[in-house]
Amino acid sequence: MTPADIAGAELVVQATPVGMAGAGAPAGLAFDPGLVHGGQVVADLVYHPLVTPLLAAAAERGATTVGGLGMLVHQAALAIERWTGRQAPVEQMWAAARSATGAA
């Protein structure tokens, strides 16, 4: 991936743990957030913290941001469904995830 790839993308997905507290790259960023701009969707799959340094920087630059909590909930729902053969209680799972993380 090059800086031009990031700047030219409609969707930028950060799928590493660098946004987590103490998880690697300086300031919790894997690339220069100045490459992100309005009109892009920026997703960070980290869910702790809910707003990572990348998401904060992307929001400041006018990008639409998506955190990782939804992916956590829906991955867990799929696992429950595969393990039990029953439909997962996704709304209850969302409520529990929000409660546990302090999400609104």
PDB file of N, CA and C in Angstrom:
ATOM      1  N   MET A   1       0.845  -1.163   0.000  1.00  0.00           N
ATOM      2  CA  MET A   1       0.000   0.000   0.000  1.00  0.00           C
ATOM      3  C   MET A   1       0.899   1.237   0.000  1.00  0.00           C
ATOM      4  N   THR A   2       0.549   2.204  -0.815  1.00  0.00           N
ATOM      5  CA  THR A   2       1.316   3.447  -0.902  1.00  0.00           C
ATOM      6  C   THR A   2       0.467   4.608  -0.392  1.00  0.00           C
ATOM      7  N   PRO A   3       1.097   5.736  -0.086  1.00  0.00           N
ATOM      8  CA  PRO A   3       0.310   6.910   0.302  1.00  0.00           C
ATOM      9  C   PRO A   3      -0.745   7.293  -0.746  1.00  0.00           C
ATOM     10  N   ALA A   4      -0.418   7.127  -2.010  1.00  0.00           N
ATOM     11  CA  ALA A   4      -1.394   7.442  -3.067  1.00  0.00           C
ATOM     12  C   ALA A   4      -2.599   6.519  -2.999  1.00  0.00           C
ATOM     13  N   ASP A   5      -2.380   5.265  -2.618  1.00  0.00           N
ATOM     14  CA  ASP A   5      -3.496   4.323  -2.470  1.00  0.00           C
ATOM     15  C   ASP A   5      -4.466   4.810  -1.403  1.00  0.00           C
ATOM     16  N   ILE A   6      -3.924   5.278  -0.284  1.00  0.00           N
ATOM     17  CA  ILE A   6      -4.767   5.751   0.808  1.00  0.00           C
ATOM     18  C   ILE A   6      -5.498   7.015   0.396  1.00  0.00           C
ATOM     19  N   ALA A   7      -4.785   7.964  -0.148  1.00  0.00           N
ATOM     20  CA  ALA A   7      -5.387   9.240  -0.542  1.00  0.00           C
ATOM     21  C   ALA A   7      -6.449   9.062  -1.617  1.00  0.00           C
ATOM     22  N   GLY A   8      -6.292   8.086  -2.485  1.00  0.00           N
ATOM     23  CA  GLY A   8      -7.229   7.888  -3.588  1.00  0.00           C
ATOM     24  C   GLY A   8      -8.371   6.935  -3.299  1.00  0.00           C
ATOM     25  N   ALA A   9      -8.362   6.324  -2.131  1.00  0.00           N
ATOM     26  CA  ALA A   9      -9.367   5.317  -1.811  1.00  0.00           C
ATOM     27  C   ALA A   9     -10.684   5.943  -1.368  1.00  0.00           C
ATOM     28  N   GLU A  10     -11.782   5.263  -1.662  1.00  0.00           N
ATOM     29  CA  GLU A  10     -13.081   5.655  -1.123  1.00  0.00           C
ATOM     30  C   GLU A  10     -13.255   5.108   0.282  1.00  0.00           C
ATOM     31  N   LEU A  11     -12.675   3.934   0.542  1.00  0.00           N
ATOM     32  CA  LEU A  11     -12.754   3.258   1.829  1.00  0.00           C
ATOM     33  C   LEU A  11     -11.351   2.906   2.297  1.00  0.00           C
ATOM     34  N   VAL A  12     -11.023   3.318   3.517  1.00  0.00           N
ATOM     35  CA  VAL A  12      -9.742   2.995   4.135  1.00  0.00           C
ATOM     36  C   VAL A  12     -10.048   2.165   5.376  1.00  0.00           C
ATOM     37  N   VAL A  13      -9.497   0.957   5.439  1.00  0.00           N
ATOM     38  CA  VAL A  13      -9.743   0.066   6.577  1.00  0.00           C
ATOM     39  C   VAL A  13      -8.430  -0.201   7.291  1.00  0.00           C
ATOM     40  N   GLN A  14      -8.399   0.139   8.572  1.00  0.00           N
ATOM     41  CA  GLN A  14      -7.257  -0.167   9.435  1.00  0.00           C
ATOM     42  C   GLN A  14      -7.598  -1.465  10.158  1.00  0.00           C
ATOM     43  N   ALA A  15      -6.896  -2.541   9.830  1.00  0.00           N
ATOM     44  CA  ALA A  15      -7.216  -3.857  10.392  1.00  0.00           C
ATOM     45  C   ALA A  15      -6.105  -4.386  11.285  1.00  0.00           C
ATOM     46  N   THR A  16      -5.264  -3.492  11.801  1.00  0.00           N
ATOM     47  CA  THR A  16      -4.213  -3.896  12.732  1.00  0.00           C
ATOM     48  C   THR A  16      -4.533  -3.326  14.107  1.00  0.00           C
ATOM     49  N   PRO A  17      -3.854  -3.780  15.163  1.00  0.00           N
ATOM     50  CA  PRO A  17      -4.146  -3.278  16.509  1.00  0.00           C
ATOM     51  C   PRO A  17      -3.426  -1.984  16.878  1.00  0.00           C
ATOM     52  N   VAL A  18      -2.820  -1.265  15.939  1.00  0.00           N
ATOM     53  CA  VAL A  18      -2.022  -0.096  16.315  1.00  0.00           C
ATOM     54  C   VAL A  18      -2.840   0.999  16.999  1.00  0.00           C
ATOM     55  N   GLY A  19      -4.142   1.031  16.799  1.00  0.00           N
ATOM     56  CA  GLY A  19      -4.963   2.041  17.449  1.00  0.00           C
ATOM     57  C   GLY A  19      -5.241   1.771  18.910  1.00  0.00           C
ATOM     58  N   MET A  20      -4.899   0.574  19.365  1.00  0.00           N
ATOM     59  CA  MET A  20      -5.117   0.224  20.772  1.00  0.00           C
ATOM     60  C   MET A  20      -4.018   0.856  21.628  1.00  0.00           C
ATOM     61  N   ALA A  21      -4.358   1.182  22.853  1.00  0.00           N
ATOM     62  CA  ALA A  21      -3.389   1.776  23.767  1.00  0.00           C
ATOM     63  C   ALA A  21      -2.171   0.871  23.904  1.00  0.00           C
ATOM     64  N   GLY A  22      -0.994   1.413  23.638  1.00  0.00           N
ATOM     65  CA  GLY A  22       0.241   0.662  23.799  1.00  0.00           C
ATOM     66  C   GLY A  22       0.460  -0.437  22.791  1.00  0.00           C
ATOM     67  N   ALA A  23      -0.163  -0.359  21.620  1.00  0.00           N
ATOM     68  CA  ALA A  23      -0.073  -1.470  20.671  1.00  0.00           C
ATOM     69  C   ALA A  23       0.799  -1.167  19.455  1.00  0.00           C
ATOM     70  N   GLY A  24       1.896  -0.510  19.628  1.00  0.00           N
ATOM     71  CA  GLY A  24       2.816  -0.450  18.503  1.00  0.00           C
ATOM     72  C   GLY A  24       3.195   0.907  17.996  1.00  0.00           C
ATOM     73  N   ALA A  25       2.685   1.266  16.833  1.00  0.00           N
ATOM     74  CA  ALA A  25       3.144   2.439  16.097  1.00  0.00           C
ATOM     75  C   ALA A  25       3.032   3.717  16.924  1.00  0.00           C
ATOM     76  N   PRO A  26       3.930   4.658  16.679  1.00  0.00           N
ATOM     77  CA  PRO A  26       3.863   5.927  17.404  1.00  0.00           C
ATOM     78  C   PRO A  26       2.506   6.599  17.231  1.00  0.00           C
ATOM     79  N   ALA A  27       1.973   7.098  18.314  1.00  0.00           N
ATOM     80  CA  ALA A  27       0.689   7.815  18.326  1.00  0.00           C
ATOM     81  C   ALA A  27      -0.475   6.946  17.878  1.00  0.00           C
ATOM     82  N   GLY A  28      -0.290   5.626  17.791  1.00  0.00           N
ATOM     83  CA  GLY A  28      -1.378   4.739  17.406  1.00  0.00           C
ATOM     84  C   GLY A  28      -1.798   4.878  15.958  1.00  0.00           C
ATOM     85  N   LEU A  29      -0.874   5.295  15.100  1.00  0.00           N
ATOM     86  CA  LEU A  29      -1.198   5.480  13.686  1.00  0.00           C
ATOM     87  C   LEU A  29      -0.261   4.646  12.818  1.00  0.00           C
ATOM     88  N   ALA A  30      -0.828   3.953  11.852  1.00  0.00           N
ATOM     89  CA  ALA A  30      -0.028   3.127  10.949  1.00  0.00           C
ATOM     90  C   ALA A  30       0.408   3.893   9.703  1.00  0.00           C
ATOM     91  N   PHE A  31      -0.202   5.064   9.467  1.00  0.00           N
ATOM     92  CA  PHE A  31       0.148   5.884   8.312  1.00  0.00           C
ATOM     93  C   PHE A  31      -0.194   7.338   8.630  1.00  0.00           C
ATOM     94  N   ASP A  32       0.260   8.228   7.802  1.00  0.00           N
ATOM     95  CA  ASP A  32       0.037   9.662   7.989  1.00  0.00           C
ATOM     96  C   ASP A  32      -1.448   9.977   7.815  1.00  0.00           C
ATOM     97  N   PRO A  33      -2.117  10.436   8.873  1.00  0.00           N
ATOM     98  CA  PRO A  33      -3.554  10.728   8.755  1.00  0.00           C
ATOM     99  C   PRO A  33      -3.848  11.905   7.839  1.00  0.00           C
ATOM    100  N   GLY A  34      -2.836  12.648   7.465  1.00  0.00           N
ATOM    101  CA  GLY A  34      -3.032  13.730   6.506  1.00  0.00           C
ATOM    102  C   GLY A  34      -3.433  13.234   5.125  1.00  0.00           C
ATOM    103  N   LEU A  35      -3.308  11.942   4.886  1.00  0.00           N
ATOM    104  CA  LEU A  35      -3.705  11.350   3.607  1.00  0.00           C
ATOM    105  C   LEU A  35      -5.222  11.176   3.510  1.00  0.00           C
ATOM    106  N   VAL A  36      -5.892  11.231   4.658  1.00  0.00           N
ATOM    107  CA  VAL A  36      -7.338  11.014   4.717  1.00  0.00           C
ATOM    108  C   VAL A  36      -8.045  12.343   4.493  1.00  0.00           C
ATOM    109  N   HIS A  37      -9.216  12.297   3.851  1.00  0.00           N
ATOM    110  CA  HIS A  37      -9.928  13.532   3.536  1.00  0.00           C
ATOM    111  C   HIS A  37     -11.430  13.291   3.481  1.00  0.00           C
ATOM    112  N   GLY A  38     -12.177  14.374   3.418  1.00  0.00           N
ATOM    113  CA  GLY A  38     -13.619  14.291   3.271  1.00  0.00           C
ATOM    114  C   GLY A  38     -13.981  13.491   2.028  1.00  0.00           C
ATOM    115  N   GLY A  39     -15.108  12.810   2.085  1.00  0.00           N
ATOM    116  CA  GLY A  39     -15.534  11.966   0.981  1.00  0.00           C
ATOM    117  C   GLY A  39     -15.105  10.518   1.134  1.00  0.00           C
ATOM    118  N   GLN A  40     -14.211  10.261   2.072  1.00  0.00           N
ATOM    119  CA  GLN A  40     -13.779   8.894   2.329  1.00  0.00           C
ATOM    120  C   GLN A  40     -14.534   8.329   3.529  1.00  0.00           C
ATOM    121  N   VAL A  41     -14.588   7.009   3.585  1.00  0.00           N
ATOM    122  CA  VAL A  41     -15.047   6.297   4.772  1.00  0.00           C
ATOM    123  C   VAL A  41     -13.800   5.646   5.359  1.00  0.00           C
ATOM    124  N   VAL A  42     -13.568   5.895   6.647  1.00  0.00           N
ATOM    125  CA  VAL A  42     -12.402   5.342   7.327  1.00  0.00           C
ATOM    126  C   VAL A  42     -12.897   4.448   8.449  1.00  0.00           C
ATOM    127  N   ALA A  43     -12.520   3.182   8.398  1.00  0.00           N
ATOM    128  CA  ALA A  43     -12.912   2.206   9.416  1.00  0.00           C
ATOM    129  C   ALA A  43     -11.672   1.736  10.151  1.00  0.00           C
ATOM    130  N   ASP A  44     -11.776   1.664  11.469  1.00  0.00           N
ATOM    131  CA  ASP A  44     -10.722   1.080  12.285  1.00  0.00           C
ATOM    132  C   ASP A  44     -11.363  -0.064  13.050  1.00  0.00           C
ATOM    133  N   LEU A  45     -10.876  -1.267  12.870  1.00  0.00           N
ATOM    134  CA  LEU A  45     -11.506  -2.440  13.451  1.00  0.00           C
ATOM    135  C   LEU A  45     -11.267  -2.590  14.947  1.00  0.00           C
ATOM    136  N   VAL A  46     -10.455  -1.722  15.515  1.00  0.00           N
ATOM    137  CA  VAL A  46     -10.248  -1.702  16.964  1.00  0.00           C
ATOM    138  C   VAL A  46     -11.523  -1.199  17.631  1.00  0.00           C
ATOM    139  N   TYR A  47     -11.862  -1.781  18.781  1.00  0.00           N
ATOM    140  CA  TYR A  47     -13.039  -1.324  19.523  1.00  0.00           C
ATOM    141  C   TYR A  47     -12.690  -0.847  20.924  1.00  0.00           C
ATOM    142  N   HIS A  48     -11.407  -0.878  21.282  1.00  0.00           N
ATOM    143  CA  HIS A  48     -10.964  -0.301  22.552  1.00  0.00           C
ATOM    144  C   HIS A  48      -9.635   0.383  22.311  1.00  0.00           C
ATOM    145  N   PRO A  49      -9.646   1.686  22.234  1.00  0.00           N
ATOM    146  CA  PRO A  49     -10.723   2.622  22.527  1.00  0.00           C
ATOM    147  C   PRO A  49     -11.730   2.699  21.377  1.00  0.00           C
ATOM    148  N   LEU A  50     -12.912   3.189  21.690  1.00  0.00           N
ATOM    149  CA  LEU A  50     -13.951   3.310  20.662  1.00  0.00           C
ATOM    150  C   LEU A  50     -13.534   4.282  19.570  1.00  0.00           C
ATOM    151  N   VAL A  51     -12.904   5.379  19.965  1.00  0.00           N
ATOM    152  CA  VAL A  51     -12.395   6.348  18.993  1.00  0.00           C
ATOM    153  C   VAL A  51     -10.875   6.264  19.041  1.00  0.00           C
ATOM    154  N   THR A  52     -10.310   5.689  18.001  1.00  0.00           N
ATOM    155  CA  THR A  52      -8.860   5.522  17.911  1.00  0.00           C
ATOM    156  C   THR A  52      -8.233   6.814  17.393  1.00  0.00           C
ATOM    157  N   PRO A  53      -6.918   6.939  17.503  1.00  0.00           N
ATOM    158  CA  PRO A  53      -6.267   8.116  16.919  1.00  0.00           C
ATOM    159  C   PRO A  53      -6.582   8.280  15.434  1.00  0.00           C
ATOM    160  N   LEU A  54      -6.659   7.187  14.696  1.00  0.00           N
ATOM    161  CA  LEU A  54      -6.994   7.276  13.271  1.00  0.00           C
ATOM    162  C   LEU A  54      -8.406   7.817  13.073  1.00  0.00           C
ATOM    163  N   LEU A  55      -9.377   7.296  13.819  1.00  0.00           N
ATOM    164  CA  LEU A  55     -10.753   7.771  13.660  1.00  0.00           C
ATOM    165  C   LEU A  55     -10.881   9.241  14.038  1.00  0.00           C
ATOM    166  N   ALA A  56     -10.194   9.659  15.092  1.00  0.00           N
ATOM    167  CA  ALA A  56     -10.244  11.069  15.490  1.00  0.00           C
ATOM    168  C   ALA A  56      -9.652  11.954  14.395  1.00  0.00           C
ATOM    169  N   ALA A  57      -8.505  11.552  13.853  1.00  0.00           N
ATOM    170  CA  ALA A  57      -7.873  12.333  12.793  1.00  0.00           C
ATOM    171  C   ALA A  57      -8.728  12.361  11.534  1.00  0.00           C
ATOM    172  N   ALA A  58      -9.327  11.228  11.192  1.00  0.00           N
ATOM    173  CA  ALA A  58     -10.178  11.171   9.995  1.00  0.00           C
ATOM    174  C   ALA A  58     -11.406  12.055  10.152  1.00  0.00           C
ATOM    175  N   ALA A  59     -12.018  12.042  11.334  1.00  0.00           N
ATOM    176  CA  ALA A  59     -13.192  12.887  11.572  1.00  0.00           C
ATOM    177  C   ALA A  59     -12.818  14.360  11.464  1.00  0.00           C
ATOM    178  N   GLU A  60     -11.660  14.734  11.981  1.00  0.00           N
ATOM    179  CA  GLU A  60     -11.197  16.123  11.880  1.00  0.00           C
ATOM    180  C   GLU A  60     -11.021  16.551  10.433  1.00  0.00           C
ATOM    181  N   ARG A  61     -10.732  15.610   9.563  1.00  0.00           N
ATOM    182  CA  ARG A  61     -10.505  15.908   8.146  1.00  0.00           C
ATOM    183  C   ARG A  61     -11.764  15.736   7.298  1.00  0.00           C
ATOM    184  N   GLY A  62     -12.895  15.468   7.959  1.00  0.00           N
ATOM    185  CA  GLY A  62     -14.169  15.403   7.255  1.00  0.00           C
ATOM    186  C   GLY A  62     -14.564  14.046   6.719  1.00  0.00           C
ATOM    187  N   ALA A  63     -13.807  13.005   7.033  1.00  0.00           N
ATOM    188  CA  ALA A  63     -14.160  11.659   6.576  1.00  0.00           C
ATOM    189  C   ALA A  63     -15.271  11.087   7.451  1.00  0.00           C
ATOM    190  N   THR A  64     -16.022  10.161   6.897  1.00  0.00           N
ATOM    191  CA  THR A  64     -16.998   9.404   7.666  1.00  0.00           C
ATOM    192  C   THR A  64     -16.234   8.298   8.374  1.00  0.00           C
ATOM    193  N   THR A  65     -16.478   8.116   9.679  1.00  0.00           N
ATOM    194  CA  THR A  65     -15.718   7.127  10.435  1.00  0.00           C
ATOM    195  C   THR A  65     -16.604   5.995  10.945  1.00  0.00           C
ATOM    196  N   VAL A  66     -16.002   4.808  11.030  1.00  0.00           N
ATOM    197  CA  VAL A  66     -16.682   3.615  11.525  1.00  0.00           C
ATOM    198  C   VAL A  66     -15.720   2.885  12.452  1.00  0.00           C
ATOM    199  N   GLY A  67     -16.146   2.672  13.691  1.00  0.00           N
ATOM    200  CA  GLY A  67     -15.328   1.951  14.654  1.00  0.00           C
ATOM    201  C   GLY A  67     -15.526   0.451  14.558  1.00  0.00           C
ATOM    202  N   GLY A  68     -14.798  -0.297  15.361  1.00  0.00           N
ATOM    203  CA  GLY A  68     -14.793  -1.752  15.275  1.00  0.00           C
ATOM    204  C   GLY A  68     -15.820  -2.481  16.120  1.00  0.00           C
ATOM    205  N   LEU A  69     -16.599  -1.760  16.926  1.00  0.00           N
ATOM    206  CA  LEU A  69     -17.537  -2.442  17.813  1.00  0.00           C
ATOM    207  C   LEU A  69     -18.579  -3.254  17.040  1.00  0.00           C
ATOM    208  N   GLY A  70     -19.060  -2.728  15.938  1.00  0.00           N
ATOM    209  CA  GLY A  70     -20.039  -3.451  15.127  1.00  0.00           C
ATOM    210  C   GLY A  70     -19.491  -4.752  14.582  1.00  0.00           C
ATOM    211  N   MET A  71     -18.234  -4.737  14.184  1.00  0.00           N
ATOM    212  CA  MET A  71     -17.630  -5.966  13.681  1.00  0.00           C
ATOM    213  C   MET A  71     -17.528  -6.996  14.797  1.00  0.00           C
ATOM    214  N   LEU A  72     -17.140  -6.556  15.992  1.00  0.00           N
ATOM    215  CA  LEU A  72     -17.066  -7.461  17.134  1.00  0.00           C
ATOM    216  C   LEU A  72     -18.420  -8.115  17.398  1.00  0.00           C
ATOM    217  N   VAL A  73     -19.464  -7.306  17.466  1.00  0.00           N
ATOM    218  CA  VAL A  73     -20.804  -7.818  17.758  1.00  0.00           C
ATOM    219  C   VAL A  73     -21.260  -8.799  16.684  1.00  0.00           C
ATOM    220  N   HIS A  74     -21.084  -8.445  15.429  1.00  0.00           N
ATOM    221  CA  HIS A  74     -21.591  -9.299  14.354  1.00  0.00           C
ATOM    222  C   HIS A  74     -20.741 -10.554  14.143  1.00  0.00           C
ATOM    223  N   GLN A  75     -19.446 -10.487  14.411  1.00  0.00           N
ATOM    224  CA  GLN A  75     -18.637 -11.712  14.378  1.00  0.00           C
ATOM    225  C   GLN A  75     -19.088 -12.662  15.480  1.00  0.00           C
ATOM    226  N   ALA A  76     -19.342 -12.107  16.661  1.00  0.00           N
ATOM    227  CA  ALA A  76     -19.812 -12.941  17.770  1.00  0.00           C
ATOM    228  C   ALA A  76     -21.176 -13.547  17.454  1.00  0.00           C
ATOM    229  N   ALA A  77     -22.051 -12.761  16.831  1.00  0.00           N
ATOM    230  CA  ALA A  77     -23.376 -13.267  16.467  1.00  0.00           C
ATOM    231  C   ALA A  77     -23.261 -14.432  15.493  1.00  0.00           C
ATOM    232  N   LEU A  78     -22.407 -14.302  14.494  1.00  0.00           N
ATOM    233  CA  LEU A  78     -22.221 -15.399  13.539  1.00  0.00           C
ATOM    234  C   LEU A  78     -21.671 -16.640  14.224  1.00  0.00           C
ATOM    235  N   ALA A  79     -20.738 -16.443  15.155  1.00  0.00           N
ATOM    236  CA  ALA A  79     -20.186 -17.591  15.876  1.00  0.00           C
ATOM    237  C   ALA A  79     -21.264 -18.295  16.695  1.00  0.00           C
ATOM    238  N   ILE A  80     -22.078 -17.528  17.400  1.00  0.00           N
ATOM    239  CA  ILE A  80     -23.163 -18.121  18.188  1.00  0.00           C
ATOM    240  C   ILE A  80     -24.098 -18.918  17.290  1.00  0.00           C
ATOM    241  N   GLU A  81     -24.442 -18.353  16.137  1.00  0.00           N
ATOM    242  CA  GLU A  81     -25.353 -19.038  15.221  1.00  0.00           C
ATOM    243  C   GLU A  81     -24.748 -20.331  14.685  1.00  0.00           C
ATOM    244  N   ARG A  82     -23.467 -20.305  14.383  1.00  0.00           N
ATOM    245  CA  ARG A  82     -22.817 -21.532  13.884  1.00  0.00           C
ATOM    246  C   ARG A  82     -22.703 -22.586  14.981  1.00  0.00           C
ATOM    247  N   TRP A  83     -22.395 -22.158  16.191  1.00  0.00           N
ATOM    248  CA  TRP A  83     -22.212 -23.104  17.290  1.00  0.00           C
ATOM    249  C   TRP A  83     -23.525 -23.691  17.769  1.00  0.00           C
ATOM    250  N   THR A  84     -24.580 -22.886  17.793  1.00  0.00           N
ATOM    251  CA  THR A  84     -25.831 -23.341  18.399  1.00  0.00           C
ATOM    252  C   THR A  84     -26.915 -23.679  17.390  1.00  0.00           C
ATOM    253  N   GLY A  85     -26.804 -23.176  16.168  1.00  0.00           N
ATOM    254  CA  GLY A  85     -27.853 -23.369  15.187  1.00  0.00           C
ATOM    255  C   GLY A  85     -29.059 -22.465  15.422  1.00  0.00           C
ATOM    256  N   ARG A  86     -28.945 -21.558  16.364  1.00  0.00           N
ATOM    257  CA  ARG A  86     -30.034 -20.630  16.682  1.00  0.00           C
ATOM    258  C   ARG A  86     -29.647 -19.212  16.301  1.00  0.00           C
ATOM    259  N   GLN A  87     -30.655 -18.401  16.066  1.00  0.00           N
ATOM    260  CA  GLN A  87     -30.417 -17.001  15.744  1.00  0.00           C
ATOM    261  C   GLN A  87     -29.860 -16.283  16.979  1.00  0.00           C
ATOM    262  N   ALA A  88     -28.809 -15.520  16.773  1.00  0.00           N
ATOM    263  CA  ALA A  88     -28.187 -14.782  17.876  1.00  0.00           C
ATOM    264  C   ALA A  88     -29.043 -13.579  18.254  1.00  0.00           C
ATOM    265  N   PRO A  89     -29.053 -13.230  19.535  1.00  0.00           N
ATOM    266  CA  PRO A  89     -29.805 -12.058  19.990  1.00  0.00           C
ATOM    267  C   PRO A  89     -28.991 -10.774  19.761  1.00  0.00           C
ATOM    268  N   VAL A  90     -28.912 -10.349  18.514  1.00  0.00           N
ATOM    269  CA  VAL A  90     -28.015  -9.260  18.135  1.00  0.00           C
ATOM    270  C   VAL A  90     -28.319  -7.971  18.903  1.00  0.00           C
ATOM    271  N   GLU A  91     -29.573  -7.628  19.071  1.00  0.00           N
ATOM    272  CA  GLU A  91     -29.899  -6.394  19.797  1.00  0.00           C
ATOM    273  C   GLU A  91     -29.412  -6.465  21.240  1.00  0.00           C
ATOM    274  N   GLN A  92     -29.566  -7.609  21.882  1.00  0.00           N
ATOM    275  CA  GLN A  92     -29.072  -7.767  23.250  1.00  0.00           C
ATOM    276  C   GLN A  92     -27.546  -7.727  23.276  1.00  0.00           C
ATOM    277  N   MET A  93     -26.934  -8.288  22.267  1.00  0.00           N
ATOM    278  CA  MET A  93     -25.480  -8.264  22.182  1.00  0.00           C
ATOM    279  C   MET A  93     -24.976  -6.837  22.008  1.00  0.00           C
ATOM    280  N   TRP A  94     -25.672  -6.060  21.161  1.00  0.00           N
ATOM    281  CA  TRP A  94     -25.311  -4.643  20.991  1.00  0.00           C
ATOM    282  C   TRP A  94     -25.442  -3.910  22.320  1.00  0.00           C
ATOM    283  N   ALA A  95     -26.523  -4.142  23.035  1.00  0.00           N
ATOM    284  CA  ALA A  95     -26.732  -3.470  24.320  1.00  0.00           C
ATOM    285  C   ALA A  95     -25.619  -3.827  25.298  1.00  0.00           C
ATOM    286  N   ALA A  96     -25.238  -5.091  25.345  1.00  0.00           N
ATOM    287  CA  ALA A  96     -24.174  -5.519  26.240  1.00  0.00           C
ATOM    288  C   ALA A  96     -22.834  -4.898  25.840  1.00  0.00           C
ATOM    289  N   ALA A  97     -22.565  -4.852  24.560  1.00  0.00           N
ATOM    290  CA  ALA A  97     -21.312  -4.261  24.081  1.00  0.00           C
ATOM    291  C   ALA A  97     -21.248  -2.778  24.392  1.00  0.00           C
ATOM    292  N   ARG A  98     -22.356  -2.086  24.166  1.00  0.00           N
ATOM    293  CA  ARG A  98     -22.398  -0.653  24.484  1.00  0.00           C
ATOM    294  C   ARG A  98     -22.210  -0.421  25.972  1.00  0.00           C
ATOM    295  N   SER A  99     -22.864  -1.236  26.787  1.00  0.00           N
ATOM    296  CA  SER A  99     -22.740  -1.106  28.230  1.00  0.00           C
ATOM    297  C   SER A  99     -21.305  -1.363  28.694  1.00  0.00           C
ATOM    298  N   ALA A 100     -20.688  -2.381  28.142  1.00  0.00           N
ATOM    299  CA  ALA A 100     -19.343  -2.758  28.554  1.00  0.00           C
ATOM    300  C   ALA A 100     -18.295  -1.731  28.124  1.00  0.00           C
ATOM    301  N   THR A 101     -18.536  -1.031  27.018  1.00  0.00           N
ATOM    302  CA  THR A 101     -17.549  -0.095  26.485  1.00  0.00           C
ATOM    303  C   THR A 101     -17.877   1.361  26.782  1.00  0.00           C
ATOM    304  N   GLY A 102     -19.069   1.600  27.300  1.00  0.00           N
ATOM    305  CA  GLY A 102     -19.466   2.991  27.537  1.00  0.00           C
ATOM    306  C   GLY A 102     -19.913   3.699  26.276  1.00  0.00           C
ATOM    307  N   ALA A 103     -20.193   2.946  25.213  1.00  0.00           N
ATOM    308  CA  ALA A 103     -20.653   3.539  23.955  1.00  0.00           C
ATOM    309  C   ALA A 103     -22.078   4.034  24.113  1.00  0.00           C
ATOM    310  N   ALA A 104     -22.382   5.102  23.397  1.00  0.00           N
ATOM    311  CA  ALA A 104     -23.740   5.658  23.462  1.00  0.00           C
ATOM    312  C   ALA A 104     -24.708   4.842  22.657  1.00  0.00           C
TER     313      ALA A 104
END
